[in-house]
Structure formats: structure tokens, C-alpha cells
PDB file of N, CA and C in Angstrom:
ATOM      1  N   MET A   1     151.074 117.320  99.757  1.00  0.00           N
ATOM      2  CA  MET A   1     150.928 116.279 100.763  1.00  0.00           C
ATOM      3  C   MET A   1     151.569 116.737 102.068  1.00  0.00           C
ATOM      4  N   VAL A   2     150.865 116.566 103.153  1.00  0.00           N
ATOM      5  CA  VAL A   2     151.363 116.920 104.475  1.00  0.00           C
ATOM      6  C   VAL A   2     151.908 115.661 105.146  1.00  0.00           C
ATOM      7  N   TRP A   3     153.125 115.725 105.623  1.00  0.00           N
ATOM      8  CA  TRP A   3     153.750 114.604 106.305  1.00  0.00           C
ATOM      9  C   TRP A   3     153.506 114.756 107.795  1.00  0.00           C
ATOM     10  N   LYS A   4     153.112 113.688 108.425  1.00  0.00           N
ATOM     11  CA  LYS A   4     152.772 113.724 109.838  1.00  0.00           C
ATOM     12  C   LYS A   4     153.705 112.806 110.618  1.00  0.00           C
ATOM     13  N   LEU A   5     154.214 113.295 111.730  1.00  0.00           N
ATOM     14  CA  LEU A   5     155.068 112.499 112.610  1.00  0.00           C
ATOM     15  C   LEU A   5     154.291 112.087 113.848  1.00  0.00           C
ATOM     16  N   ASP A   6     154.454 110.847 114.253  1.00  0.00           N
ATOM     17  CA  ASP A   6     153.869 110.336 115.489  1.00  0.00           C
ATOM     18  C   ASP A   6     154.994 109.825 116.377  1.00  0.00           C
ATOM     19  N   ALA A   7     154.932 110.142 117.657  1.00  0.00           N
ATOM     20  CA  ALA A   7     155.940 109.686 118.615  1.00  0.00           C
ATOM     21  C   ALA A   7     155.367 108.552 119.456  1.00  0.00           C
ATOM     22  N   LEU A   8     156.240 107.639 119.842  1.00  0.00           N
ATOM     23  CA  LEU A   8     155.850 106.481 120.637  1.00  0.00           C
ATOM     24  C   LEU A   8     156.752 106.394 121.860  1.00  0.00           C
ATOM     25  N   VAL A   9     156.144 106.318 123.034  1.00  0.00           N
ATOM     26  CA  VAL A   9     156.855 106.065 124.285  1.00  0.00           C
ATOM     27  C   VAL A   9     156.118 104.920 124.963  1.00  0.00           C
ATOM     28  N   GLU A  10     156.856 103.866 125.279  1.00  0.00           N
ATOM     29  CA  GLU A  10     156.227 102.680 125.853  1.00  0.00           C
ATOM     30  C   GLU A  10     157.028 102.221 127.065  1.00  0.00           C
ATOM     31  N   TYR A  11     156.337 101.946 128.165  1.00  0.00           N
ATOM     32  CA  TYR A  11     156.962 101.367 129.356  1.00  0.00           C
ATOM     33  C   TYR A  11     156.645  99.878 129.362  1.00  0.00           C
ATOM     34  N   ARG A  12     157.652  99.054 129.563  1.00  0.00           N
ATOM     35  CA  ARG A  12     157.457  97.605 129.551  1.00  0.00           C
ATOM     36  C   ARG A  12     157.930  97.011 130.871  1.00  0.00           C
ATOM     37  N   GLN A  13     157.176  95.988 131.311  1.00  0.00           N
ATOM     38  CA  GLN A  13     157.564  95.268 132.516  1.00  0.00           C
ATOM     39  C   GLN A  13     157.260  93.794 132.310  1.00  0.00           C
ATOM     40  N   LEU A  14     158.196  92.939 132.670  1.00  0.00           N
ATOM     41  CA  LEU A  14     158.044  91.500 132.545  1.00  0.00           C
ATOM     42  C   LEU A  14     158.372  90.867 133.886  1.00  0.00           C
ATOM     43  N   GLU A  15     157.419  90.105 134.434  1.00  0.00           N
ATOM     44  CA  GLU A  15     157.628  89.384 135.690  1.00  0.00           C
ATOM     45  C   GLU A  15     157.425  87.901 135.445  1.00  0.00           C
ATOM     46  N   ILE A  16     158.367  87.106 135.917  1.00  0.00           N
ATOM     47  CA  ILE A  16     158.234  85.653 135.860  1.00  0.00           C
ATOM     48  C   ILE A  16     158.301  85.160 137.296  1.00  0.00           C
ATOM     49  N   ASP A  17     157.132  84.885 137.868  1.00  0.00           N
ATOM     50  CA  ASP A  17     157.037  84.522 139.280  1.00  0.00           C
ATOM     51  C   ASP A  17     157.733  83.207 139.603  1.00  0.00           C
ATOM     52  N   GLU A  18     157.700  82.258 138.667  1.00  0.00           N
ATOM     53  CA  GLU A  18     158.259  80.932 138.927  1.00  0.00           C
ATOM     54  C   GLU A  18     159.752  80.974 139.247  1.00  0.00           C
ATOM     55  N   ILE A  19     160.464  81.905 138.642  1.00  0.00           N
ATOM     56  CA  ILE A  19     161.906  81.991 138.893  1.00  0.00           C
ATOM     57  C   ILE A  19     162.292  83.291 139.603  1.00  0.00           C
ATOM     58  N   GLY A  20     161.299  84.078 139.977  1.00  0.00           N
ATOM     59  CA  GLY A  20     161.556  85.319 140.704  1.00  0.00           C
ATOM     60  C   GLY A  20     162.274  86.376 139.894  1.00  0.00           C
ATOM     61  N   ASP A  21     161.993  86.438 138.604  1.00  0.00           N
ATOM     62  CA  ASP A  21     162.667  87.378 137.711  1.00  0.00           C
ATOM     63  C   ASP A  21     161.749  88.537 137.366  1.00  0.00           C
ATOM     64  N   ARG A  22     162.303  89.747 137.322  1.00  0.00           N
ATOM     65  CA  ARG A  22     161.531  90.940 136.961  1.00  0.00           C
ATOM     66  C   ARG A  22     162.411  91.858 136.135  1.00  0.00           C
ATOM     67  N   LYS A  23     161.925  92.228 134.958  1.00  0.00           N
ATOM     68  CA  LYS A  23     162.644  93.137 134.059  1.00  0.00           C
ATOM     69  C   LYS A  23     161.718  94.294 133.715  1.00  0.00           C
ATOM     70  N   GLN A  24     162.295  95.472 133.483  1.00  0.00           N
ATOM     71  CA  GLN A  24     161.501  96.634 133.072  1.00  0.00           C
ATOM     72  C   GLN A  24     162.356  97.582 132.263  1.00  0.00           C
ATOM     73  N   GLY A  25     161.692  98.460 131.512  1.00  0.00           N
ATOM     74  CA  GLY A  25     162.411  99.439 130.704  1.00  0.00           C
ATOM     75  C   GLY A  25     161.468 100.195 129.788  1.00  0.00           C
ATOM     76  N   THR A  26     162.040 100.949 128.879  1.00  0.00           N
ATOM     77  CA  THR A  26     161.249 101.775 127.975  1.00  0.00           C
ATOM     78  C   THR A  26     161.623 101.494 126.516  1.00  0.00           C
ATOM     79  N   LEU A  27     160.727 101.931 125.660  1.00  0.00           N
ATOM     80  CA  LEU A  27     160.898 101.830 124.215  1.00  0.00           C
ATOM     81  C   LEU A  27     160.470 103.169 123.635  1.00  0.00           C
ATOM     82  N   LEU A  28     161.260 103.736 122.725  1.00  0.00           N
ATOM     83  CA  LEU A  28     160.943 105.017 122.090  1.00  0.00           C
ATOM     84  C   LEU A  28     160.934 104.836 120.577  1.00  0.00           C
ATOM     85  N   GLY A  29     160.026 105.554 119.908  1.00  0.00           N
ATOM     86  CA  GLY A  29     159.973 105.463 118.459  1.00  0.00           C
ATOM     87  C   GLY A  29     159.333 106.677 117.823  1.00  0.00           C
ATOM     88  N   VAL A  30     159.572 106.832 116.519  1.00  0.00           N
ATOM     89  CA  VAL A  30     158.979 107.907 115.724  1.00  0.00           C
ATOM     90  C   VAL A  30     158.487 107.293 114.421  1.00  0.00           C
ATOM     91  N   ASP A  31     157.233 107.583 114.053  1.00  0.00           N
ATOM     92  CA  ASP A  31     156.643 107.114 112.800  1.00  0.00           C
ATOM     93  C   ASP A  31     156.377 108.290 111.883  1.00  0.00           C
ATOM     94  N   LEU A  32     156.624 108.108 110.593  1.00  0.00           N
ATOM     95  CA  LEU A  32     156.331 109.103 109.572  1.00  0.00           C
ATOM     96  C   LEU A  32     155.174 108.593 108.730  1.00  0.00           C
ATOM     97  N   GLN A  33     154.083 109.336 108.703  1.00  0.00           N
ATOM     98  CA  GLN A  33     152.898 108.979 107.921  1.00  0.00           C
ATOM     99  C   GLN A  33     153.173 109.299 106.456  1.00  0.00           C
ATOM    100  N   LEU A  34     153.290 108.266 105.610  1.00  0.00           N
ATOM    101  CA  LEU A  34     153.594 108.464 104.200  1.00  0.00           C
ATOM    102  C   LEU A  34     152.356 108.679 103.349  1.00  0.00           C
ATOM    103  N   GLY A  35     151.226 108.288 103.833  1.00  0.00           N
ATOM    104  CA  GLY A  35     149.960 108.427 103.134  1.00  0.00           C
ATOM    105  C   GLY A  35     148.838 108.138 104.101  1.00  0.00           C
ATOM    106  N   PRO A  36     147.598 108.136 103.627  1.00  0.00           N
ATOM    107  CA  PRO A  36     146.484 107.907 104.537  1.00  0.00           C
ATOM    108  C   PRO A  36     146.465 106.503 105.131  1.00  0.00           C
ATOM    109  N   ASN A  37     147.153 105.549 104.501  1.00  0.00           N
ATOM    110  CA  ASN A  37     147.073 104.162 104.963  1.00  0.00           C
ATOM    111  C   ASN A  37     148.420 103.502 105.206  1.00  0.00           C
ATOM    112  N   ILE A  38     149.508 104.262 105.241  1.00  0.00           N
ATOM    113  CA  ILE A  38     150.823 103.654 105.441  1.00  0.00           C
ATOM    114  C   ILE A  38     151.739 104.588 106.220  1.00  0.00           C
ATOM    115  N   ALA A  39     152.523 103.983 107.114  1.00  0.00           N
ATOM    116  CA  ALA A  39     153.492 104.730 107.909  1.00  0.00           C
ATOM    117  C   ALA A  39     154.742 103.871 108.099  1.00  0.00           C
ATOM    118  N   VAL A  40     155.877 104.525 108.197  1.00  0.00           N
ATOM    119  CA  VAL A  40     157.143 103.844 108.449  1.00  0.00           C
ATOM    120  C   VAL A  40     157.808 104.550 109.626  1.00  0.00           C
ATOM    121  N   GLY A  41     158.469 103.770 110.463  1.00  0.00           N
ATOM    122  CA  GLY A  41     159.069 104.374 111.637  1.00  0.00           C
ATOM    123  C   GLY A  41     160.328 103.663 112.071  1.00  0.00           C
ATOM    124  N   VAL A  42     160.998 104.286 113.029  1.00  0.00           N
ATOM    125  CA  VAL A  42     162.209 103.739 113.603  1.00  0.00           C
ATOM    126  C   VAL A  42     162.167 104.008 115.103  1.00  0.00           C
ATOM    127  N   GLY A  43     162.809 103.134 115.864  1.00  0.00           N
ATOM    128  CA  GLY A  43     162.810 103.317 117.304  1.00  0.00           C
ATOM    129  C   GLY A  43     163.939 102.562 117.963  1.00  0.00           C
ATOM    130  N   TYR A  44     164.008 102.688 119.291  1.00  0.00           N
ATOM    131  CA  TYR A  44     165.038 102.004 120.064  1.00  0.00           C
ATOM    132  C   TYR A  44     164.397 101.352 121.273  1.00  0.00           C
ATOM    133  N   ASN A  45     164.709 100.086 121.480  1.00  0.00           N
ATOM    134  CA  ASN A  45     164.219  99.316 122.619  1.00  0.00           C
ATOM    135  C   ASN A  45     165.298  99.346 123.705  1.00  0.00           C
ATOM    136  N   PHE A  46     165.024 100.025 124.814  1.00  0.00           N
ATOM    137  CA  PHE A  46     165.978 100.121 125.912  1.00  0.00           C
ATOM    138  C   PHE A  46     165.884  98.938 126.869  1.00  0.00           C
ATOM    139  N   THR A  47     164.867  98.091 126.707  1.00  0.00           N
ATOM    140  CA  THR A  47     164.755  96.896 127.536  1.00  0.00           C
ATOM    141  C   THR A  47     165.601  95.790 126.929  1.00  0.00           C
ATOM    142  N   ASP A  48     165.859  94.749 127.695  1.00  0.00           N
ATOM    143  CA  ASP A  48     166.614  93.625 127.148  1.00  0.00           C
ATOM    144  C   ASP A  48     165.721  92.413 126.877  1.00  0.00           C
ATOM    145  N   PHE A  49     164.406  92.624 126.853  1.00  0.00           N
ATOM    146  CA  PHE A  49     163.472  91.565 126.471  1.00  0.00           C
ATOM    147  C   PHE A  49     162.548  92.106 125.402  1.00  0.00           C
ATOM    148  N   ASN A  50     161.943  91.209 124.618  1.00  0.00           N
ATOM    149  CA  ASN A  50     161.035  91.664 123.571  1.00  0.00           C
ATOM    150  C   ASN A  50     159.603  91.250 123.876  1.00  0.00           C
ATOM    151  N   ASP A  51     158.677  91.626 122.995  1.00  0.00           N
ATOM    152  CA  ASP A  51     157.266  91.319 123.240  1.00  0.00           C
ATOM    153  C   ASP A  51     156.884  89.898 122.835  1.00  0.00           C
ATOM    154  N   ARG A  52     157.833  89.133 122.345  1.00  0.00           N
ATOM    155  CA  ARG A  52     157.610  87.708 122.071  1.00  0.00           C
ATOM    156  C   ARG A  52     157.974  86.966 123.350  1.00  0.00           C
ATOM    157  N   LEU A  53     156.989  86.680 124.172  1.00  0.00           N
ATOM    158  CA  LEU A  53     157.229  86.215 125.532  1.00  0.00           C
ATOM    159  C   LEU A  53     157.822  84.821 125.614  1.00  0.00           C
ATOM    160  N   THR A  54     157.872  84.095 124.511  1.00  0.00           N
ATOM    161  CA  THR A  54     158.503  82.776 124.530  1.00  0.00           C
ATOM    162  C   THR A  54     160.009  82.867 124.320  1.00  0.00           C
ATOM    163  N   THR A  55     160.512  84.049 123.976  1.00  0.00           N
ATOM    164  CA  THR A  55     161.941  84.254 123.784  1.00  0.00           C
ATOM    165  C   THR A  55     162.503  84.927 125.028  1.00  0.00           C
ATOM    166  N   LEU A  56     163.172  84.161 125.877  1.00  0.00           N
ATOM    167  CA  LEU A  56     163.673  84.697 127.142  1.00  0.00           C
ATOM    168  C   LEU A  56     165.202  84.750 127.176  1.00  0.00           C
ATOM    169  N   ASP A  57     165.811  85.102 126.052  1.00  0.00           N
ATOM    170  CA  ASP A  57     167.265  85.179 126.030  1.00  0.00           C
ATOM    171  C   ASP A  57     167.785  86.532 126.514  1.00  0.00           C
ATOM    172  N   TYR A  58     166.921  87.507 126.707  1.00  0.00           N
ATOM    173  CA  TYR A  58     167.259  88.835 127.220  1.00  0.00           C
ATOM    174  C   TYR A  58     168.357  89.518 126.402  1.00  0.00           C
ATOM    175  N   GLU A  59     168.260  89.414 125.074  1.00  0.00           N
ATOM    176  CA  GLU A  59     169.217  90.079 124.190  1.00  0.00           C
ATOM    177  C   GLU A  59     168.499  90.879 123.109  1.00  0.00           C
ATOM    178  N   SER A  60     167.400  91.522 123.456  1.00  0.00           N
ATOM    179  CA  SER A  60     166.571  92.202 122.457  1.00  0.00           C
ATOM    180  C   SER A  60     166.766  93.708 122.433  1.00  0.00           C
ATOM    181  N   LYS A  61     167.705  94.230 123.150  1.00  0.00           N
ATOM    182  CA  LYS A  61     167.946  95.670 123.179  1.00  0.00           C
ATOM    183  C   LYS A  61     168.444  96.140 121.822  1.00  0.00           C
ATOM    184  N   GLY A  62     167.974  97.305 121.375  1.00  0.00           N
ATOM    185  CA  GLY A  62     168.509  97.862 120.143  1.00  0.00           C
ATOM    186  C   GLY A  62     167.479  98.523 119.256  1.00  0.00           C
ATOM    187  N   TRP A  63     167.900  98.826 118.040  1.00  0.00           N
ATOM    188  CA  TRP A  63     167.096  99.542 117.053  1.00  0.00           C
ATOM    189  C   TRP A  63     166.081  98.615 116.401  1.00  0.00           C
ATOM    190  N   PHE A  64     164.956  99.194 115.961  1.00  0.00           N
ATOM    191  CA  PHE A  64     163.956  98.441 115.209  1.00  0.00           C
ATOM    192  C   PHE A  64     163.339  99.329 114.142  1.00  0.00           C
ATOM    193  N   LEU A  65     162.818  98.698 113.104  1.00  0.00           N
ATOM    194  CA  LEU A  65     162.120  99.363 112.010  1.00  0.00           C
ATOM    195  C   LEU A  65     160.660  98.959 112.074  1.00  0.00           C
ATOM    196  N   ASN A  66     159.770  99.909 111.916  1.00  0.00           N
ATOM    197  CA  ASN A  66     158.338  99.682 112.031  1.00  0.00           C
ATOM    198  C   ASN A  66     157.663 100.035 110.706  1.00  0.00           C
ATOM    199  N   LEU A  67     156.813  99.169 110.201  1.00  0.00           N
ATOM    200  CA  LEU A  67     156.031  99.437 109.005  1.00  0.00           C
ATOM    201  C   LEU A  67     154.571  99.145 109.317  1.00  0.00           C
ATOM    202  N   ASN A  68     153.724 100.157 109.224  1.00  0.00           N
ATOM    203  CA  ASN A  68     152.302 100.020 109.540  1.00  0.00           C
ATOM    204  C   ASN A  68     151.467 100.316 108.311  1.00  0.00           C
ATOM    205  N   GLY A  69     150.472  99.482 108.077  1.00  0.00           N
ATOM    206  CA  GLY A  69     149.562  99.691 106.963  1.00  0.00           C
ATOM    207  C   GLY A  69     148.132  99.406 107.375  1.00  0.00           C
ATOM    208  N   ARG A  70     147.215  99.938 106.605  1.00  0.00           N
ATOM    209  CA  ARG A  70     145.795  99.724 106.876  1.00  0.00           C
ATOM    210  C   ARG A  70     145.122  99.339 105.581  1.00  0.00           C
ATOM    211  N   LEU A  71     144.323  98.288 105.627  1.00  0.00           N
ATOM    212  CA  LEU A  71     143.576  97.813 104.475  1.00  0.00           C
ATOM    213  C   LEU A  71     142.125  98.232 104.653  1.00  0.00           C
ATOM    214  N   VAL A  72     141.606  98.977 103.684  1.00  0.00           N
ATOM    215  CA  VAL A  72     140.226  99.441 103.735  1.00  0.00           C
ATOM    216  C   VAL A  72     139.452  98.739 102.632  1.00  0.00           C
ATOM    217  N   ILE A  73     138.391  98.028 103.018  1.00  0.00           N
ATOM    218  CA  ILE A  73     137.563  97.309 102.054  1.00  0.00           C
ATOM    219  C   ILE A  73     136.177  97.956 102.045  1.00  0.00           C
ATOM    220  N   ALA A  74     135.757  98.432 100.883  1.00  0.00           N
ATOM    221  CA  ALA A  74     134.435  99.052 100.740  1.00  0.00           C
ATOM    222  C   ALA A  74     133.474  98.005 100.183  1.00  0.00           C
ATOM    223  N   LEU A  75     132.308  97.917 100.779  1.00  0.00           N
ATOM    224  CA  LEU A  75     131.281  97.003 100.295  1.00  0.00           C
ATOM    225  C   LEU A  75     130.534  97.644  99.136  1.00  0.00           C
ATOM    226  N   ALA A  76     130.377  96.910  98.046  1.00  0.00           N
ATOM    227  CA  ALA A  76     129.793  97.485  96.834  1.00  0.00           C
ATOM    228  C   ALA A  76     128.271  97.483  96.846  1.00  0.00           C
ATOM    229  N   SER A  77     127.656  96.534  97.477  1.00  0.00           N
ATOM    230  CA  SER A  77     126.197  96.397  97.413  1.00  0.00           C
ATOM    231  C   SER A  77     125.531  97.127  98.573  1.00  0.00           C
ATOM    232  N   SER A  78     124.476  97.883  98.266  1.00  0.00           N
ATOM    233  CA  SER A  78     123.743  98.590  99.327  1.00  0.00           C
ATOM    234  C   SER A  78     122.940  97.609 100.166  1.00  0.00           C
ATOM    235  N   SER A  79     122.523  96.468  99.596  1.00  0.00           N
ATOM    236  CA  SER A  79     121.785  95.481 100.378  1.00  0.00           C
ATOM    237  C   SER A  79     122.691  94.852 101.431  1.00  0.00           C
ATOM    238  N   THR A  80     123.962  94.704 101.125  1.00  0.00           N
ATOM    239  CA  THR A  80     124.916  94.159 102.086  1.00  0.00           C
ATOM    240  C   THR A  80     125.135  95.150 103.206  1.00  0.00           C
ATOM    241  N   GLU A  81     125.186  96.448 102.883  1.00  0.00           N
ATOM    242  CA  GLU A  81     125.359  97.473 103.908  1.00  0.00           C
ATOM    243  C   GLU A  81     124.201  97.482 104.874  1.00  0.00           C
ATOM    244  N   SER A  82     122.987  97.338 104.397  1.00  0.00           N
ATOM    245  CA  SER A  82     121.835  97.358 105.294  1.00  0.00           C
ATOM    246  C   SER A  82     121.799  96.106 106.159  1.00  0.00           C
ATOM    247  N   TYR A  83     122.382  95.010 105.699  1.00  0.00           N
ATOM    248  CA  TYR A  83     122.437  93.782 106.481  1.00  0.00           C
ATOM    249  C   TYR A  83     123.293  93.970 107.730  1.00  0.00           C
ATOM    250  N   TRP A  84     124.383  94.730 107.626  1.00  0.00           N
ATOM    251  CA  TRP A  84     125.323  94.890 108.723  1.00  0.00           C
ATOM    252  C   TRP A  84     124.967  96.027 109.685  1.00  0.00           C
ATOM    253  N   ARG A  85     123.902  96.749 109.447  1.00  0.00           N
ATOM    254  CA  ARG A  85     123.533  97.845 110.361  1.00  0.00           C
ATOM    255  C   ARG A  85     122.816  97.352 111.569  1.00  0.00           C
TER     256      ARG A  85
END
């Protein structure tokens, strides 16, 4: 089995015009592909806000754990496959 690493670099910016607030920063992460459909990763959020825009406490800086999966569903009937083409 070959293990694959993926790197993540993200620039984030949040502007709230009503109160004249603007925040920005970066997020870095690394994911390890454990199989064809699953990956686990770790990263650090250098911004003080998160992607949940209803949470404006500005205390989201720090480490995070990432778990990614993919669900693959195969259709069994050939008549169903021709319907979706």
C-alpha cells in the first residue's frame, strides 16, 4: 500500500460591513490518505475566526483534526444505468 500525503494552504478573510470589522489569516494542514476512500489529517488555524459564520467570538485559533471519507454506491441494474445516461 502506498501512503499519500496532501498539503492544504487556505487564505481566509471575513468582513462584517455593519460593524466595520475585517479579519484575515491562513490555515495550514496535512492529510494522510489511508485508503482509496478515507484520509485523516491535522492542521493549524492561524485565524481567530472559524468557518461557522454565526460564531463571532473570535477564539477559534488552534489545532484541528480532519477526517475525510467517500461513499461509493454502485448501481446493480443495467436498466437503471441506461436511465441515467
